[in-house]
């Protein structure tokens, strides 16, 4: 079973909100998912705050990445901004032993 981290569209017409979810790769866009990892609002919260908002549970995102989940391109960029990809790279680096001299 291949797992992907991808977006599931929510929200109203012309006001998209997305969930970042861990889902089996063969499932449909809005199919049953394994876990919600975060949310992404590309249009911001309101007219007063039009900035893009992404709320990611970095601990769970790193968990799924360490277990082989593949993020889509957009989700990879969101995880990069949240710091989850940096934490994943730091956790997956194998320290090399220093030979005594």
N, C-alpha and C. Protein backbone atom coordinates (compact mmCIF):
# COMPACT_ATOMS: atom_id res chain seq x y z
N UNK A 1 0.85 -1.18 0.00
CA UNK A 1 0.00 0.00 0.00
C UNK A 1 0.89 1.24 0.00
N UNK A 2 0.80 2.06 -1.02
CA UNK A 2 1.56 3.31 -1.09
C UNK A 2 0.73 4.42 -0.47
N UNK A 3 1.36 5.19 0.38
CA UNK A 3 0.68 6.30 1.06
C UNK A 3 1.22 7.60 0.53
N UNK A 4 0.33 8.56 0.31
CA UNK A 4 0.71 9.88 -0.16
C UNK A 4 0.20 10.92 0.84
N UNK A 5 0.91 12.03 0.91
CA UNK A 5 0.42 13.20 1.63
C UNK A 5 -0.09 14.14 0.55
N UNK A 6 -1.39 14.40 0.54
CA UNK A 6 -1.96 15.25 -0.50
C UNK A 6 -3.10 16.07 0.03
N UNK A 7 -3.64 16.94 -0.84
CA UNK A 7 -4.70 17.86 -0.44
C UNK A 7 -6.07 17.28 -0.76
N UNK A 8 -7.03 17.54 0.14
CA UNK A 8 -8.43 17.20 -0.08
C UNK A 8 -9.20 18.52 -0.01
N UNK A 9 -9.93 18.84 -1.06
CA UNK A 9 -10.63 20.11 -1.12
C UNK A 9 -11.84 20.13 -0.21
N UNK A 10 -11.98 21.23 0.51
CA UNK A 10 -13.14 21.48 1.37
C UNK A 10 -13.61 22.90 1.05
N UNK A 11 -14.54 23.41 1.80
CA UNK A 11 -14.93 24.81 1.65
C UNK A 11 -16.03 25.03 0.64
N UNK A 12 -16.37 26.30 0.49
CA UNK A 12 -17.46 26.68 -0.39
C UNK A 12 -16.97 26.94 -1.81
N UNK A 13 -17.92 27.16 -2.68
CA UNK A 13 -17.63 27.48 -4.07
C UNK A 13 -16.79 28.77 -4.13
N UNK A 14 -15.70 28.74 -4.86
CA UNK A 14 -14.78 29.86 -5.04
C UNK A 14 -14.11 30.32 -3.75
N UNK A 15 -14.22 29.53 -2.68
CA UNK A 15 -13.52 29.81 -1.43
C UNK A 15 -12.90 28.51 -0.93
N UNK A 16 -11.87 28.03 -1.60
CA UNK A 16 -11.34 26.71 -1.25
C UNK A 16 -10.57 26.71 0.06
N UNK A 17 -10.71 25.64 0.76
CA UNK A 17 -9.92 25.30 1.93
C UNK A 17 -9.53 23.84 1.73
N UNK A 18 -8.31 23.51 2.06
CA UNK A 18 -7.84 22.15 1.84
C UNK A 18 -7.38 21.53 3.14
N UNK A 19 -7.55 20.22 3.25
CA UNK A 19 -6.95 19.44 4.32
C UNK A 19 -5.72 18.76 3.74
N UNK A 20 -4.65 18.73 4.51
CA UNK A 20 -3.47 17.95 4.14
C UNK A 20 -3.66 16.60 4.83
N UNK A 21 -3.78 15.54 4.04
CA UNK A 21 -4.10 14.23 4.61
C UNK A 21 -3.11 13.17 4.17
N UNK A 22 -2.99 12.14 4.97
CA UNK A 22 -2.28 10.92 4.59
C UNK A 22 -3.36 9.99 4.03
N UNK A 23 -3.15 9.54 2.78
CA UNK A 23 -4.18 8.76 2.10
C UNK A 23 -3.52 7.72 1.22
N UNK A 24 -4.17 6.59 1.02
CA UNK A 24 -3.66 5.59 0.09
C UNK A 24 -3.68 6.17 -1.32
N UNK A 25 -2.65 5.91 -2.08
CA UNK A 25 -2.48 6.59 -3.36
C UNK A 25 -3.57 6.27 -4.39
N UNK A 26 -4.22 5.13 -4.28
CA UNK A 26 -5.23 4.77 -5.27
C UNK A 26 -6.62 5.33 -4.95
N UNK A 27 -6.78 5.97 -3.81
CA UNK A 27 -8.08 6.54 -3.42
C UNK A 27 -8.39 7.78 -4.24
N UNK A 28 -9.69 8.10 -4.37
CA UNK A 28 -10.09 9.31 -5.09
C UNK A 28 -9.74 10.55 -4.28
N UNK A 29 -9.87 11.72 -4.89
CA UNK A 29 -9.47 12.97 -4.24
C UNK A 29 -10.13 13.16 -2.88
N UNK A 30 -11.40 12.85 -2.80
CA UNK A 30 -12.13 13.04 -1.55
C UNK A 30 -12.45 11.71 -0.88
N UNK A 31 -11.66 10.69 -1.15
CA UNK A 31 -11.90 9.36 -0.59
C UNK A 31 -11.52 9.28 0.89
N UNK A 32 -11.69 8.10 1.44
CA UNK A 32 -11.38 7.89 2.85
C UNK A 32 -9.87 8.03 3.07
N UNK A 33 -9.50 8.82 4.06
CA UNK A 33 -8.09 9.06 4.33
C UNK A 33 -7.69 8.42 5.65
N UNK A 34 -6.40 8.30 5.87
CA UNK A 34 -5.88 7.67 7.07
C UNK A 34 -5.81 8.64 8.24
N UNK A 35 -5.36 9.88 7.95
CA UNK A 35 -5.20 10.86 9.02
C UNK A 35 -5.11 12.27 8.44
N UNK A 36 -5.67 13.23 9.17
CA UNK A 36 -5.54 14.64 8.80
C UNK A 36 -4.24 15.15 9.42
N UNK A 37 -3.36 15.70 8.58
CA UNK A 37 -2.07 16.19 9.04
C UNK A 37 -2.11 17.71 9.25
N UNK A 38 -2.98 18.41 8.54
CA UNK A 38 -3.07 19.86 8.68
C UNK A 38 -4.09 20.44 7.74
N UNK A 39 -4.08 21.78 7.64
CA UNK A 39 -4.98 22.49 6.75
C UNK A 39 -4.20 23.52 5.94
N UNK A 40 -4.78 23.93 4.81
CA UNK A 40 -4.15 24.90 3.93
C UNK A 40 -5.25 25.79 3.36
N UNK A 41 -5.10 27.10 3.56
CA UNK A 41 -6.07 28.07 3.04
C UNK A 41 -5.33 29.02 2.10
N UNK A 42 -5.39 28.77 0.79
CA UNK A 42 -4.62 29.58 -0.15
C UNK A 42 -5.10 31.02 -0.27
N UNK A 43 -6.34 31.30 0.08
CA UNK A 43 -6.88 32.66 -0.05
C UNK A 43 -6.87 33.41 1.27
N UNK A 44 -6.33 32.84 2.32
CA UNK A 44 -6.31 33.50 3.62
C UNK A 44 -7.59 33.27 4.40
N UNK A 45 -7.63 33.82 5.60
CA UNK A 45 -8.77 33.61 6.48
C UNK A 45 -9.93 34.53 6.12
N UNK A 46 -9.63 35.79 5.81
CA UNK A 46 -10.67 36.76 5.49
C UNK A 46 -10.08 37.85 4.59
N UNK A 47 -10.92 38.83 4.22
CA UNK A 47 -10.42 39.95 3.42
C UNK A 47 -9.41 40.77 4.20
N UNK A 48 -9.57 40.81 5.52
CA UNK A 48 -8.63 41.55 6.36
C UNK A 48 -7.28 40.84 6.45
N UNK A 49 -7.28 39.51 6.34
CA UNK A 49 -6.05 38.71 6.38
C UNK A 49 -5.95 37.86 5.11
N UNK A 50 -5.55 38.45 3.98
CA UNK A 50 -5.53 37.71 2.72
C UNK A 50 -4.32 36.80 2.53
N UNK A 51 -3.44 36.72 3.50
CA UNK A 51 -2.24 35.88 3.38
C UNK A 51 -2.61 34.40 3.39
N UNK A 52 -1.85 33.62 2.66
CA UNK A 52 -2.01 32.18 2.65
C UNK A 52 -1.71 31.62 4.04
N UNK A 53 -2.56 30.71 4.52
CA UNK A 53 -2.40 30.15 5.86
C UNK A 53 -2.27 28.63 5.75
N UNK A 54 -1.23 28.09 6.34
CA UNK A 54 -1.05 26.64 6.39
C UNK A 54 -0.78 26.25 7.84
N UNK A 55 -1.58 25.35 8.37
CA UNK A 55 -1.42 24.85 9.73
C UNK A 55 -1.11 23.36 9.63
N UNK A 56 0.12 22.99 9.98
CA UNK A 56 0.57 21.60 9.82
C UNK A 56 1.03 21.07 11.18
N UNK A 57 0.64 19.84 11.49
CA UNK A 57 1.15 19.13 12.67
C UNK A 57 2.47 18.49 12.23
N UNK A 58 3.57 19.20 12.45
CA UNK A 58 4.88 18.75 11.97
C UNK A 58 5.27 17.38 12.49
N UNK A 59 4.92 17.08 13.72
CA UNK A 59 5.27 15.78 14.30
C UNK A 59 4.63 14.64 13.52
N UNK A 60 3.35 14.78 13.18
CA UNK A 60 2.65 13.74 12.43
C UNK A 60 3.11 13.69 10.97
N UNK A 61 3.43 14.85 10.40
CA UNK A 61 3.93 14.88 9.02
C UNK A 61 5.27 14.14 8.94
N UNK A 62 6.15 14.39 9.90
CA UNK A 62 7.44 13.70 9.91
C UNK A 62 7.24 12.21 10.12
N UNK A 63 6.29 11.84 10.97
CA UNK A 63 5.97 10.42 11.18
C UNK A 63 5.61 9.74 9.86
N UNK A 64 4.72 10.35 9.08
CA UNK A 64 4.30 9.75 7.82
C UNK A 64 5.44 9.73 6.81
N UNK A 65 6.25 10.79 6.78
CA UNK A 65 7.38 10.82 5.86
C UNK A 65 8.40 9.73 6.20
N UNK A 66 8.64 9.51 7.49
CA UNK A 66 9.59 8.47 7.91
C UNK A 66 9.06 7.08 7.59
N UNK A 67 7.74 6.94 7.50
CA UNK A 67 7.15 5.64 7.17
C UNK A 67 6.91 5.48 5.67
N UNK A 68 7.49 6.36 4.86
CA UNK A 68 7.47 6.16 3.42
C UNK A 68 6.42 6.91 2.64
N UNK A 69 5.65 7.79 3.27
CA UNK A 69 4.64 8.55 2.53
C UNK A 69 5.31 9.53 1.59
N UNK A 70 4.76 9.66 0.38
CA UNK A 70 5.30 10.57 -0.62
C UNK A 70 4.41 11.80 -0.73
N UNK A 71 4.93 13.00 -0.48
CA UNK A 71 4.11 14.20 -0.62
C UNK A 71 3.97 14.61 -2.09
N UNK A 72 2.84 15.20 -2.43
CA UNK A 72 2.68 15.77 -3.76
C UNK A 72 3.53 17.03 -3.82
N UNK A 73 3.69 17.61 -5.00
CA UNK A 73 4.53 18.80 -5.16
C UNK A 73 4.05 19.95 -4.28
N UNK A 74 2.75 20.22 -4.30
CA UNK A 74 2.20 21.33 -3.51
C UNK A 74 2.38 21.07 -2.02
N UNK A 75 2.09 19.86 -1.57
CA UNK A 75 2.22 19.53 -0.15
C UNK A 75 3.69 19.60 0.27
N UNK A 76 4.60 19.20 -0.60
CA UNK A 76 6.03 19.29 -0.27
C UNK A 76 6.42 20.74 -0.02
N UNK A 77 5.90 21.67 -0.83
CA UNK A 77 6.19 23.09 -0.62
C UNK A 77 5.59 23.60 0.69
N UNK A 78 4.39 23.13 1.02
CA UNK A 78 3.75 23.53 2.27
C UNK A 78 4.55 23.00 3.46
N UNK A 79 4.99 21.75 3.38
CA UNK A 79 5.78 21.15 4.46
C UNK A 79 7.14 21.83 4.59
N UNK A 80 7.68 22.29 3.46
CA UNK A 80 8.96 23.01 3.50
C UNK A 80 8.80 24.32 4.28
N UNK A 81 7.70 25.03 4.02
CA UNK A 81 7.47 26.29 4.73
C UNK A 81 7.18 26.09 6.22
N UNK A 82 6.53 24.98 6.56
CA UNK A 82 6.19 24.74 7.97
C UNK A 82 7.37 24.21 8.77
N UNK A 83 8.40 23.73 8.09
CA UNK A 83 9.58 23.21 8.77
C UNK A 83 9.57 21.70 8.94
N UNK A 84 8.54 21.03 8.47
CA UNK A 84 8.45 19.58 8.62
C UNK A 84 9.49 18.86 7.77
N UNK A 85 9.76 19.36 6.57
CA UNK A 85 10.75 18.71 5.70
C UNK A 85 12.15 18.83 6.29
N UNK A 86 12.47 19.96 6.89
CA UNK A 86 13.78 20.13 7.53
C UNK A 86 13.91 19.18 8.71
N UNK A 87 12.83 19.03 9.49
CA UNK A 87 12.85 18.11 10.63
C UNK A 87 12.99 16.66 10.14
N UNK A 88 12.34 16.35 9.02
CA UNK A 88 12.44 15.00 8.45
C UNK A 88 13.87 14.72 7.99
N UNK A 89 14.47 15.68 7.30
CA UNK A 89 15.85 15.49 6.83
C UNK A 89 16.82 15.34 8.00
N UNK A 90 16.61 16.14 9.06
CA UNK A 90 17.48 16.05 10.24
C UNK A 90 17.30 14.71 10.94
N UNK A 91 16.07 14.20 11.00
CA UNK A 91 15.81 12.93 11.68
C UNK A 91 16.31 11.75 10.86
N UNK A 92 16.34 11.89 9.54
CA UNK A 92 16.74 10.76 8.71
C UNK A 92 18.24 10.70 8.44
N UNK A 93 18.98 11.74 8.80
CA UNK A 93 20.42 11.71 8.61
C UNK A 93 21.05 10.73 9.58
N UNK A 94 21.91 9.89 9.06
CA UNK A 94 22.59 8.90 9.89
C UNK A 94 23.93 9.51 10.29
N UNK A 95 24.17 9.66 11.59
CA UNK A 95 25.45 10.23 12.00
C UNK A 95 26.59 9.26 11.67
N UNK A 96 27.65 9.81 11.15
CA UNK A 96 28.82 8.98 10.84
C UNK A 96 29.73 8.94 12.04
N UNK A 97 30.31 7.78 12.26
CA UNK A 97 31.21 7.65 13.40
C UNK A 97 32.56 8.26 13.07
N UNK A 98 33.14 8.92 14.03
CA UNK A 98 34.44 9.53 13.87
C UNK A 98 35.47 8.53 14.35
N UNK A 99 36.44 8.24 13.48
CA UNK A 99 37.46 7.29 13.84
C UNK A 99 38.44 7.94 14.83
N UNK A 100 38.79 7.22 15.91
CA UNK A 100 39.76 7.80 16.84
C UNK A 100 41.13 7.91 16.20
N UNK A 101 41.81 8.99 16.51
CA UNK A 101 43.12 9.17 15.90
C UNK A 101 44.25 8.89 16.86
